[in-house]
Amino acid sequence: RNSFFEIHRRVLRELADITDAELEQPAWFWDAAKPIRFRLHRFEE
């Protein structure tokens, strides 16, 4: 539980300042380039 708390807190802290424009910029992973917006929603899903 504490491990989930720590990474969750880190996610909220380190991604909180993303601008609307940055949401549309690509982020690369195994599935090629996808918008940061898509990547952020992946946390929840």
ModelCIF file with pLDDT and N, C-alpha, C, O atoms, coordinates in Angstrom:
data_MODEL
#
_entry.id   MODEL 
#
_entity.id                         1 
_entity.type                       polymer 
_entity.pdbx_number_of_molecules   1 
#
_entity_poly.entity_id                      1 
_entity_poly.type                           'polypeptide(L)' 
_entity_poly.nstd_linkage                   no 
_entity_poly.nstd_monomer                   no 
_entity_poly.pdbx_seq_one_letter_code       RNSFFEIHRRVLRELADITDAELEQPAWFWDAAKPIRFRLHRFEE 
_entity_poly.pdbx_seq_one_letter_code_can   RNSFFEIHRRVLRELADITDAELEQPAWFWDAAKPIRFRLHRFEE 
_entity_poly.pdbx_strand_id                 A 
#
loop_
_entity_poly_seq.entity_id 
_entity_poly_seq.num 
_entity_poly_seq.mon_id 
_entity_poly_seq.hetero 
1 1  ARG n 
1 2  ASN n 
1 3  SER n 
1 4  PHE n 
1 5  PHE n 
1 6  GLU n 
1 7  ILE n 
1 8  HIS n 
1 9  ARG n 
1 10 ARG n 
1 11 VAL n 
1 12 LEU n 
1 13 ARG n 
1 14 GLU n 
1 15 LEU n 
1 16 ALA n 
1 17 ASP n 
1 18 ILE n 
1 19 THR n 
1 20 ASP n 
1 21 ALA n 
1 22 GLU n 
1 23 LEU n 
1 24 GLU n 
1 25 GLN n 
1 26 PRO n 
1 27 ALA n 
1 28 TRP n 
1 29 PHE n 
1 30 TRP n 
1 31 ASP n 
1 32 ALA n 
1 33 ALA n 
1 34 LYS n 
1 35 PRO n 
1 36 ILE n 
1 37 ARG n 
1 38 PHE n 
1 39 ARG n 
1 40 LEU n 
1 41 HIS n 
1 42 ARG n 
1 43 PHE n 
1 44 GLU n 
1 45 GLU n 
#
_struct_asym.id          A 
_struct_asym.entity_id   1 
#
loop_
_ma_qa_metric.id 
_ma_qa_metric.mode 
_ma_qa_metric.name 
_ma_qa_metric.software_group_id 
_ma_qa_metric.type 
1 global pLDDT . pLDDT 
2 local  pLDDT . pLDDT 
#
_ma_qa_metric_global.metric_id      1 
_ma_qa_metric_global.metric_value   94.09 
_ma_qa_metric_global.model_id       1 
_ma_qa_metric_global.ordinal_id     1 
#
loop_
_ma_qa_metric_local.label_asym_id 
_ma_qa_metric_local.label_comp_id 
_ma_qa_metric_local.label_seq_id 
_ma_qa_metric_local.metric_id 
_ma_qa_metric_local.metric_value 
_ma_qa_metric_local.model_id 
_ma_qa_metric_local.ordinal_id 
A ARG 1  2 97.00 1 1  
A ASN 2  2 97.00 1 2  
A SER 3  2 98.00 1 3  
A PHE 4  2 98.00 1 4  
A PHE 5  2 97.00 1 5  
A GLU 6  2 98.00 1 6  
A ILE 7  2 98.00 1 7  
A HIS 8  2 98.00 1 8  
A ARG 9  2 97.00 1 9  
A ARG 10 2 97.00 1 10 
A VAL 11 2 98.00 1 11 
A LEU 12 2 97.00 1 12 
A ARG 13 2 97.00 1 13 
A GLU 14 2 97.00 1 14 
A LEU 15 2 98.00 1 15 
A ALA 16 2 95.00 1 16 
A ASP 17 2 95.00 1 17 
A ILE 18 2 96.00 1 18 
A THR 19 2 93.00 1 19 
A ASP 20 2 89.00 1 20 
A ALA 21 2 92.00 1 21 
A GLU 22 2 95.00 1 22 
A LEU 23 2 93.00 1 23 
A GLU 24 2 92.00 1 24 
A GLN 25 2 95.00 1 25 
A PRO 26 2 95.00 1 26 
A ALA 27 2 94.00 1 27 
A TRP 28 2 92.00 1 28 
A PHE 29 2 91.00 1 29 
A TRP 30 2 87.00 1 30 
A ASP 31 2 85.00 1 31 
A ALA 32 2 87.00 1 32 
A ALA 33 2 91.00 1 33 
A LYS 34 2 90.00 1 34 
A PRO 35 2 92.00 1 35 
A ILE 36 2 95.00 1 36 
A ARG 37 2 92.00 1 37 
A PHE 38 2 92.00 1 38 
A ARG 39 2 94.00 1 39 
A LEU 40 2 94.00 1 40 
A HIS 41 2 92.00 1 41 
A ARG 42 2 94.00 1 42 
A PHE 43 2 95.00 1 43 
A GLU 44 2 94.00 1 44 
A GLU 45 2 91.00 1 45 
#
loop_
_atom_site.group_PDB 
_atom_site.id 
_atom_site.type_symbol 
_atom_site.label_atom_id 
_atom_site.label_alt_id 
_atom_site.label_comp_id 
_atom_site.label_asym_id 
_atom_site.label_entity_id 
_atom_site.label_seq_id 
_atom_site.pdbx_PDB_ins_code 
_atom_site.Cartn_x 
_atom_site.Cartn_y 
_atom_site.Cartn_z 
_atom_site.occupancy 
_atom_site.B_iso_or_equiv 
_atom_site.pdbx_formal_charge 
_atom_site.auth_seq_id 
_atom_site.auth_comp_id 
_atom_site.auth_asym_id 
_atom_site.auth_atom_id 
_atom_site.pdbx_PDB_model_num 
ATOM 1   N N  . ARG A 1 1  ? 0.842  -1.208 0.000   1.00 97.00 ? 1  ARG A N  1 
ATOM 2   C CA . ARG A 1 1  ? 0.000  0.000  0.000   1.00 97.00 ? 1  ARG A CA 1 
ATOM 3   C C  . ARG A 1 1  ? 0.874  1.253  0.000   1.00 97.00 ? 1  ARG A C  1 
ATOM 4   O O  . ARG A 1 1  ? 0.586  2.216  -0.710  1.00 97.00 ? 1  ARG A O  1 
ATOM 5   N N  . ASN A 1 2  ? 1.938  1.236  0.796   1.00 97.00 ? 2  ASN A N  1 
ATOM 6   C CA . ASN A 1 2  ? 2.823  2.396  0.871   1.00 97.00 ? 2  ASN A CA 1 
ATOM 7   C C  . ASN A 1 2  ? 3.549  2.618  -0.455  1.00 97.00 ? 2  ASN A C  1 
ATOM 8   O O  . ASN A 1 2  ? 3.773  3.763  -0.848  1.00 97.00 ? 2  ASN A O  1 
ATOM 9   N N  . SER A 1 3  ? 3.919  1.541  -1.148  1.00 98.00 ? 3  SER A N  1 
ATOM 10  C CA . SER A 1 3  ? 4.584  1.669  -2.448  1.00 98.00 ? 3  SER A CA 1 
ATOM 11  C C  . SER A 1 3  ? 3.667  2.324  -3.466  1.00 98.00 ? 3  SER A C  1 
ATOM 12  O O  . SER A 1 3  ? 4.108  3.157  -4.258  1.00 98.00 ? 3  SER A O  1 
ATOM 13  N N  . PHE A 1 4  ? 2.399  1.953  -3.447  1.00 98.00 ? 4  PHE A N  1 
ATOM 14  C CA . PHE A 1 4  ? 1.430  2.595  -4.351  1.00 98.00 ? 4  PHE A CA 1 
ATOM 15  C C  . PHE A 1 4  ? 1.229  4.059  -3.974  1.00 98.00 ? 4  PHE A C  1 
ATOM 16  O O  . PHE A 1 4  ? 1.118  4.918  -4.849  1.00 98.00 ? 4  PHE A O  1 
ATOM 17  N N  . PHE A 1 5  ? 1.181  4.341  -2.685  1.00 97.00 ? 5  PHE A N  1 
ATOM 18  C CA . PHE A 1 5  ? 1.028  5.722  -2.234  1.00 97.00 ? 5  PHE A CA 1 
ATOM 19  C C  . PHE A 1 5  ? 2.187  6.586  -2.727  1.00 97.00 ? 5  PHE A C  1 
ATOM 20  O O  . PHE A 1 5  ? 1.974  7.703  -3.199  1.00 97.00 ? 5  PHE A O  1 
ATOM 21  N N  . GLU A 1 6  ? 3.405  6.074  -2.620  1.00 98.00 ? 6  GLU A N  1 
ATOM 22  C CA . GLU A 1 6  ? 4.583  6.864  -2.990  1.00 98.00 ? 6  GLU A CA 1 
ATOM 23  C C  . GLU A 1 6  ? 4.624  7.156  -4.482  1.00 98.00 ? 6  GLU A C  1 
ATOM 24  O O  . GLU A 1 6  ? 4.893  8.292  -4.870  1.00 98.00 ? 6  GLU A O  1 
ATOM 25  N N  . ILE A 1 7  ? 4.366  6.169  -5.325  1.00 98.00 ? 7  ILE A N  1 
ATOM 26  C CA . ILE A 1 7  ? 4.418  6.441  -6.758  1.00 98.00 ? 7  ILE A CA 1 
ATOM 27  C C  . ILE A 1 7  ? 3.221  7.284  -7.185  1.00 98.00 ? 7  ILE A C  1 
ATOM 28  O O  . ILE A 1 7  ? 3.337  8.117  -8.085  1.00 98.00 ? 7  ILE A O  1 
ATOM 29  N N  . HIS A 1 8  ? 2.085  7.076  -6.552  1.00 98.00 ? 8  HIS A N  1 
ATOM 30  C CA . HIS A 1 8  ? 0.911  7.886  -6.892  1.00 98.00 ? 8  HIS A CA 1 
ATOM 31  C C  . HIS A 1 8  ? 1.168  9.357  -6.566  1.00 98.00 ? 8  HIS A C  1 
ATOM 32  O O  . HIS A 1 8  ? 0.859  10.239 -7.367  1.00 98.00 ? 8  HIS A O  1 
ATOM 33  N N  . ARG A 1 9  ? 1.728  9.612  -5.404  1.00 97.00 ? 9  ARG A N  1 
ATOM 34  C CA . ARG A 1 9  ? 2.051  10.984 -5.008  1.00 97.00 ? 9  ARG A CA 1 
ATOM 35  C C  . ARG A 1 9  ? 3.059  11.596 -5.980  1.00 97.00 ? 9  ARG A C  1 
ATOM 36  O O  . ARG A 1 9  ? 2.974  12.777 -6.318  1.00 97.00 ? 9  ARG A O  1 
ATOM 37  N N  . ARG A 1 10 ? 3.999  10.789 -6.415  1.00 97.00 ? 10 ARG A N  1 
ATOM 38  C CA . ARG A 1 10 ? 5.012  11.285 -7.352  1.00 97.00 ? 10 ARG A CA 1 
ATOM 39  C C  . ARG A 1 10 ? 4.389  11.636 -8.702  1.00 97.00 ? 10 ARG A C  1 
ATOM 40  O O  . ARG A 1 10 ? 4.735  12.655 -9.300  1.00 97.00 ? 10 ARG A O  1 
ATOM 41  N N  . VAL A 1 11 ? 3.486  10.807 -9.176  1.00 98.00 ? 11 VAL A N  1 
ATOM 42  C CA . VAL A 1 11 ? 2.797  11.086 -10.443 1.00 98.00 ? 11 VAL A CA 1 
ATOM 43  C C  . VAL A 1 11 ? 2.050  12.410 -10.349 1.00 98.00 ? 11 VAL A C  1 
ATOM 44  O O  . VAL A 1 11 ? 2.188  13.264 -11.225 1.00 98.00 ? 11 VAL A O  1 
ATOM 45  N N  . LEU A 1 12 ? 1.269  12.584 -9.304  1.00 97.00 ? 12 LEU A N  1 
ATOM 46  C CA . LEU A 1 12 ? 0.489  13.814 -9.143  1.00 97.00 ? 12 LEU A CA 1 
ATOM 47  C C  . LEU A 1 12 ? 1.389  15.045 -9.063  1.00 97.00 ? 12 LEU A C  1 
ATOM 48  O O  . LEU A 1 12 ? 1.055  16.104 -9.595  1.00 97.00 ? 12 LEU A O  1 
ATOM 49  N N  . ARG A 1 13 ? 2.520  14.897 -8.400  1.00 97.00 ? 13 ARG A N  1 
ATOM 50  C CA . ARG A 1 13 ? 3.429  16.033 -8.215  1.00 97.00 ? 13 ARG A CA 1 
ATOM 51  C C  . ARG A 1 13 ? 4.184  16.371 -9.509  1.00 97.00 ? 13 ARG A C  1 
ATOM 52  O O  . ARG A 1 13 ? 4.276  17.543 -9.877  1.00 97.00 ? 13 ARG A O  1 
ATOM 53  N N  . GLU A 1 14 ? 4.717  15.374 -10.193 1.00 97.00 ? 14 GLU A N  1 
ATOM 54  C CA . GLU A 1 14 ? 5.613  15.626 -11.316 1.00 97.00 ? 14 GLU A CA 1 
ATOM 55  C C  . GLU A 1 14 ? 4.889  15.938 -12.625 1.00 97.00 ? 14 GLU A C  1 
ATOM 56  O O  . GLU A 1 14 ? 5.500  16.464 -13.555 1.00 97.00 ? 14 GLU A O  1 
ATOM 57  N N  . LEU A 1 15 ? 3.602  15.621 -12.708 1.00 98.00 ? 15 LEU A N  1 
ATOM 58  C CA . LEU A 1 15 ? 2.874  15.861 -13.951 1.00 98.00 ? 15 LEU A CA 1 
ATOM 59  C C  . LEU A 1 15 ? 1.849  16.991 -13.835 1.00 98.00 ? 15 LEU A C  1 
ATOM 60  O O  . LEU A 1 15 ? 1.118  17.265 -14.786 1.00 98.00 ? 15 LEU A O  1 
ATOM 61  N N  . ALA A 1 16 ? 1.796  17.637 -12.691 1.00 95.00 ? 16 ALA A N  1 
ATOM 62  C CA . ALA A 1 16 ? 0.740  18.621 -12.432 1.00 95.00 ? 16 ALA A CA 1 
ATOM 63  C C  . ALA A 1 16 ? 0.856  19.889 -13.267 1.00 95.00 ? 16 ALA A C  1 
ATOM 64  O O  . ALA A 1 16 ? -0.138 20.591 -13.455 1.00 95.00 ? 16 ALA A O  1 
ATOM 65  N N  . ASP A 1 17 ? 2.056  20.200 -13.775 1.00 95.00 ? 17 ASP A N  1 
ATOM 66  C CA . ASP A 1 17 ? 2.239  21.481 -14.466 1.00 95.00 ? 17 ASP A CA 1 
ATOM 67  C C  . ASP A 1 17 ? 2.180  21.355 -15.989 1.00 95.00 ? 17 ASP A C  1 
ATOM 68  O O  . ASP A 1 17 ? 2.591  22.277 -16.693 1.00 95.00 ? 17 ASP A O  1 
ATOM 69  N N  . ILE A 1 18 ? 1.681  20.242 -16.507 1.00 96.00 ? 18 ILE A N  1 
ATOM 70  C CA . ILE A 1 18 ? 1.572  20.060 -17.960 1.00 96.00 ? 18 ILE A CA 1 
ATOM 71  C C  . ILE A 1 18 ? 0.548  21.045 -18.517 1.00 96.00 ? 18 ILE A C  1 
ATOM 72  O O  . ILE A 1 18 ? -0.558 21.166 -17.990 1.00 96.00 ? 18 ILE A O  1 
ATOM 73  N N  . THR A 1 19 ? 0.920  21.737 -19.572 1.00 93.00 ? 19 THR A N  1 
ATOM 74  C CA . THR A 1 19 ? 0.019  22.714 -20.182 1.00 93.00 ? 19 THR A CA 1 
ATOM 75  C C  . THR A 1 19 ? -0.897 22.042 -21.206 1.00 93.00 ? 19 THR A C  1 
ATOM 76  O O  . THR A 1 19 ? -0.659 20.906 -21.616 1.00 93.00 ? 19 THR A O  1 
ATOM 77  N N  . ASP A 1 20 ? -1.934 22.752 -21.606 1.00 89.00 ? 20 ASP A N  1 
ATOM 78  C CA . ASP A 1 20 ? -2.840 22.217 -22.625 1.00 89.00 ? 20 ASP A CA 1 
ATOM 79  C C  . ASP A 1 20 ? -2.090 21.919 -23.917 1.00 89.00 ? 20 ASP A C  1 
ATOM 80  O O  . ASP A 1 20 ? -2.347 20.908 -24.570 1.00 89.00 ? 20 ASP A O  1 
ATOM 81  N N  . ALA A 1 21 ? -1.164 22.798 -24.283 1.00 92.00 ? 21 ALA A N  1 
ATOM 82  C CA . ALA A 1 21 ? -0.402 22.580 -25.514 1.00 92.00 ? 21 ALA A CA 1 
ATOM 83  C C  . ALA A 1 21 ? 0.467  21.326 -25.413 1.00 92.00 ? 21 ALA A C  1 
ATOM 84  O O  . ALA A 1 21 ? 0.593  20.572 -26.378 1.00 92.00 ? 21 ALA A O  1 
ATOM 85  N N  . GLU A 1 22 ? 1.059  21.111 -24.250 1.00 95.00 ? 22 GLU A N  1 
ATOM 86  C CA . GLU A 1 22 ? 1.921  19.939 -24.077 1.00 95.00 ? 22 GLU A CA 1 
ATOM 87  C C  . GLU A 1 22 ? 1.123  18.637 -24.123 1.00 95.00 ? 22 GLU A C  1 
ATOM 88  O O  . GLU A 1 22 ? 1.665  17.591 -24.480 1.00 95.00 ? 22 GLU A O  1 
ATOM 89  N N  . LEU A 1 23 ? -0.143 18.692 -23.770 1.00 93.00 ? 23 LEU A N  1 
ATOM 90  C CA . LEU A 1 23 ? -0.971 17.484 -23.831 1.00 93.00 ? 23 LEU A CA 1 
ATOM 91  C C  . LEU A 1 23 ? -1.013 16.898 -25.235 1.00 93.00 ? 23 LEU A C  1 
ATOM 92  O O  . LEU A 1 23 ? -1.209 15.693 -25.392 1.00 93.00 ? 23 LEU A O  1 
ATOM 93  N N  . GLU A 1 24 ? -0.834 17.723 -26.249 1.00 92.00 ? 24 GLU A N  1 
ATOM 94  C CA . GLU A 1 24 ? -0.928 17.246 -27.628 1.00 92.00 ? 24 GLU A CA 1 
ATOM 95  C C  . GLU A 1 24 ? 0.425  16.822 -28.195 1.00 92.00 ? 24 GLU A C  1 
ATOM 96  O O  . GLU A 1 24 ? 0.489  16.317 -29.316 1.00 92.00 ? 24 GLU A O  1 
ATOM 97  N N  . GLN A 1 25 ? 1.513  17.021 -27.437 1.00 95.00 ? 25 GLN A N  1 
ATOM 98  C CA . GLN A 1 25 ? 2.836  16.616 -27.901 1.00 95.00 ? 25 GLN A CA 1 
ATOM 99  C C  . GLN A 1 25 ? 2.995  15.102 -27.783 1.00 95.00 ? 25 GLN A C  1 
ATOM 100 O O  . GLN A 1 25 ? 2.385  14.486 -26.909 1.00 95.00 ? 25 GLN A O  1 
ATOM 101 N N  . PRO A 1 26 ? 3.809  14.493 -28.652 1.00 95.00 ? 26 PRO A N  1 
ATOM 102 C CA . PRO A 1 26 ? 3.960  13.032 -28.614 1.00 95.00 ? 26 PRO A CA 1 
ATOM 103 C C  . PRO A 1 26 ? 4.848  12.549 -27.470 1.00 95.00 ? 26 PRO A C  1 
ATOM 104 O O  . PRO A 1 26 ? 5.778  13.236 -27.048 1.00 95.00 ? 26 PRO A O  1 
ATOM 105 N N  . ALA A 1 27 ? 4.540  11.362 -26.985 1.00 94.00 ? 27 ALA A N  1 
ATOM 106 C CA . ALA A 1 27 ? 5.391  10.637 -26.041 1.00 94.00 ? 27 ALA A CA 1 
ATOM 107 C C  . ALA A 1 27 ? 5.594  9.242  -26.618 1.00 94.00 ? 27 ALA A C  1 
ATOM 108 O O  . ALA A 1 27 ? 4.638  8.588  -27.036 1.00 94.00 ? 27 ALA A O  1 
ATOM 109 N N  . TRP A 1 28 ? 6.837  8.794  -26.639 1.00 92.00 ? 28 TRP A N  1 
ATOM 110 C CA . TRP A 1 28 ? 7.175  7.543  -27.311 1.00 92.00 ? 28 TRP A CA 1 
ATOM 111 C C  . TRP A 1 28 ? 7.257  6.390  -26.311 1.00 92.00 ? 28 TRP A C  1 
ATOM 112 O O  . TRP A 1 28 ? 7.784  6.526  -25.207 1.00 92.00 ? 28 TRP A O  1 
ATOM 113 N N  . PHE A 1 29 ? 6.710  5.241  -26.747 1.00 91.00 ? 29 PHE A N  1 
ATOM 114 C CA . PHE A 1 29 ? 6.762  4.014  -25.930 1.00 91.00 ? 29 PHE A CA 1 
ATOM 115 C C  . PHE A 1 29 ? 6.769  2.848  -26.900 1.00 91.00 ? 29 PHE A C  1 
ATOM 116 O O  . PHE A 1 29 ? 6.991  3.042  -28.095 1.00 91.00 ? 29 PHE A O  1 
ATOM 117 N N  . TRP A 1 30 ? 6.529  1.640  -26.410 1.00 87.00 ? 30 TRP A N  1 
ATOM 118 C CA . TRP A 1 30 ? 6.571  0.465  -27.277 1.00 87.00 ? 30 TRP A CA 1 
ATOM 119 C C  . TRP A 1 30 ? 5.543  0.543  -28.405 1.00 87.00 ? 30 TRP A C  1 
ATOM 120 O O  . TRP A 1 30 ? 5.728  -0.076 -29.453 1.00 87.00 ? 30 TRP A O  1 
ATOM 121 N N  . ASP A 1 31 ? 4.455  1.302  -28.197 1.00 85.00 ? 31 ASP A N  1 
ATOM 122 C CA . ASP A 1 31 ? 3.389  1.416  -29.186 1.00 85.00 ? 31 ASP A CA 1 
ATOM 123 C C  . ASP A 1 31 ? 3.563  2.662  -30.066 1.00 85.00 ? 31 ASP A C  1 
ATOM 124 O O  . ASP A 1 31 ? 2.587  3.211  -30.576 1.00 85.00 ? 31 ASP A O  1 
ATOM 125 N N  . ALA A 1 32 ? 4.825  3.102  -30.238 1.00 87.00 ? 32 ALA A N  1 
ATOM 126 C CA . ALA A 1 32 ? 5.163  4.249  -31.074 1.00 87.00 ? 32 ALA A CA 1 
ATOM 127 C C  . ALA A 1 32 ? 4.752  5.558  -30.401 1.00 87.00 ? 32 ALA A C  1 
ATOM 128 O O  . ALA A 1 32 ? 4.611  5.607  -29.179 1.00 87.00 ? 32 ALA A O  1 
ATOM 129 N N  . ALA A 1 33 ? 4.563  6.606  -31.178 1.00 91.00 ? 33 ALA A N  1 
ATOM 130 C CA . ALA A 1 33 ? 4.256  7.920  -30.611 1.00 91.00 ? 33 ALA A CA 1 
ATOM 131 C C  . ALA A 1 33 ? 2.760  8.063  -30.381 1.00 91.00 ? 33 ALA A C  1 
ATOM 132 O O  . ALA A 1 33 ? 1.946  7.770  -31.256 1.00 91.00 ? 33 ALA A O  1 
ATOM 133 N N  . LYS A 1 34 ? 2.416  8.526  -29.169 1.00 90.00 ? 34 LYS A N  1 
ATOM 134 C CA . LYS A 1 34 ? 1.028  8.832  -28.823 1.00 90.00 ? 34 LYS A CA 1 
ATOM 135 C C  . LYS A 1 34 ? 1.039  10.169 -28.067 1.00 90.00 ? 34 LYS A C  1 
ATOM 136 O O  . LYS A 1 34 ? 2.024  10.476 -27.395 1.00 90.00 ? 34 LYS A O  1 
ATOM 137 N N  . PRO A 1 35 ? -0.022 10.962 -28.161 1.00 92.00 ? 35 PRO A N  1 
ATOM 138 C CA . PRO A 1 35 ? -0.054 12.234 -27.420 1.00 92.00 ? 35 PRO A CA 1 
ATOM 139 C C  . PRO A 1 35 ? 0.087  12.016 -25.912 1.00 92.00 ? 35 PRO A C  1 
ATOM 140 O O  . PRO A 1 35 ? -0.361 11.003 -25.375 1.00 92.00 ? 35 PRO A O  1 
ATOM 141 N N  . ILE A 1 36 ? 0.709  12.969 -25.249 1.00 95.00 ? 36 ILE A N  1 
ATOM 142 C CA . ILE A 1 36 ? 0.829  12.907 -23.788 1.00 95.00 ? 36 ILE A CA 1 
ATOM 143 C C  . ILE A 1 36 ? -0.553 12.780 -23.161 1.00 95.00 ? 36 ILE A C  1 
ATOM 144 O O  . ILE A 1 36 ? -0.712 12.105 -22.144 1.00 95.00 ? 36 ILE A O  1 
ATOM 145 N N  . ARG A 1 37 ? -1.550 13.420 -23.756 1.00 92.00 ? 37 ARG A N  1 
ATOM 146 C CA . ARG A 1 37 ? -2.923 13.283 -23.272 1.00 92.00 ? 37 ARG A CA 1 
ATOM 147 C C  . ARG A 1 37 ? -3.323 11.815 -23.167 1.00 92.00 ? 37 ARG A C  1 
ATOM 148 O O  . ARG A 1 37 ? -3.879 11.390 -22.155 1.00 92.00 ? 37 ARG A O  1 
ATOM 149 N N  . PHE A 1 38 ? -3.041 11.047 -24.211 1.00 92.00 ? 38 PHE A N  1 
ATOM 150 C CA . PHE A 1 38 ? -3.347 9.615  -24.220 1.00 92.00 ? 38 PHE A CA 1 
ATOM 151 C C  . PHE A 1 38 ? -2.580 8.901  -23.111 1.00 92.00 ? 38 PHE A C  1 
ATOM 152 O O  . PHE A 1 38 ? -3.131 8.066  -22.394 1.00 92.00 ? 38 PHE A O  1 
ATOM 153 N N  . ARG A 1 39 ? -1.291 9.247  -22.984 1.00 94.00 ? 39 ARG A N  1 
ATOM 154 C CA . ARG A 1 39 ? -0.453 8.582  -21.976 1.00 94.00 ? 39 ARG A CA 1 
ATOM 155 C C  . ARG A 1 39 ? -0.971 8.830  -20.547 1.00 94.00 ? 39 ARG A C  1 
ATOM 156 O O  . ARG A 1 39 ? -0.933 7.941  -19.696 1.00 94.00 ? 39 ARG A O  1 
ATOM 157 N N  . LEU A 1 40 ? -1.455 10.055 -20.308 1.00 94.00 ? 40 LEU A N  1 
ATOM 158 C CA . LEU A 1 40 ? -1.959 10.369 -18.972 1.00 94.00 ? 40 LEU A CA 1 
ATOM 159 C C  . LEU A 1 40 ? -3.219 9.567  -18.649 1.00 94.00 ? 40 LEU A C  1 
ATOM 160 O O  . LEU A 1 40 ? -3.372 9.072  -17.533 1.00 94.00 ? 40 LEU A O  1 
ATOM 161 N N  . HIS A 1 41 ? -4.111 9.441  -19.611 1.00 92.00 ? 41 HIS A N  1 
ATOM 162 C CA . HIS A 1 41 ? -5.324 8.662  -19.369 1.00 92.00 ? 41 HIS A CA 1 
ATOM 163 C C  . HIS A 1 41 ? -5.021 7.180  -19.172 1.00 92.00 ? 41 HIS A C  1 
ATOM 164 O O  . HIS A 1 41 ? -5.818 6.463  -18.568 1.00 92.00 ? 41 HIS A O  1 
ATOM 165 N N  . ARG A 1 42 ? -3.887 6.716  -19.673 1.00 94.00 ? 42 ARG A N  1 
ATOM 166 C CA . ARG A 1 42 ? -3.513 5.309  -19.497 1.00 94.00 ? 42 ARG A CA 1 
ATOM 167 C C  . ARG A 1 42 ? -3.286 4.970  -18.025 1.00 94.00 ? 42 ARG A C  1 
ATOM 168 O O  . ARG A 1 42 ? -3.522 3.837  -17.606 1.00 94.00 ? 42 ARG A O  1 
ATOM 169 N N  . PHE A 1 43 ? -2.827 5.950  -17.237 1.00 95.00 ? 43 PHE A N  1 
ATOM 170 C CA . PHE A 1 43 ? -2.669 5.687  -15.804 1.00 95.00 ? 43 PHE A CA 1 
ATOM 171 C C  . PHE A 1 43 ? -3.980 5.159  -15.225 1.00 95.00 ? 43 PHE A C  1 
ATOM 172 O O  . PHE A 1 43 ? -4.004 4.128  -14.553 1.00 95.00 ? 43 PHE A O  1 
ATOM 173 N N  . GLU A 1 44 ? -5.059 5.875  -15.494 1.00 94.00 ? 44 GLU A N  1 
ATOM 174 C CA . GLU A 1 44 ? -6.356 5.476  -14.942 1.00 94.00 ? 44 GLU A CA 1 
ATOM 175 C C  . GLU A 1 44 ? -6.830 4.152  -15.515 1.00 94.00 ? 44 GLU A C  1 
ATOM 176 O O  . GLU A 1 44 ? -7.222 3.252  -14.772 1.00 94.00 ? 44 GLU A O  1 
ATOM 177 N N  . GLU A 1 45 ? -6.794 4.032  -16.836 1.00 91.00 ? 45 GLU A N  1 
ATOM 178 C CA . GLU A 1 45 ? -7.390 2.846  -17.451 1.00 91.00 ? 45 GLU A CA 1 
ATOM 179 C C  . GLU A 1 45 ? -6.656 1.569  -17.080 1.00 91.00 ? 45 GLU A C  1 
ATOM 180 O O  . GLU A 1 45 ? -7.040 0.486  -17.521 1.00 91.00 ? 45 GLU A O  1 
#
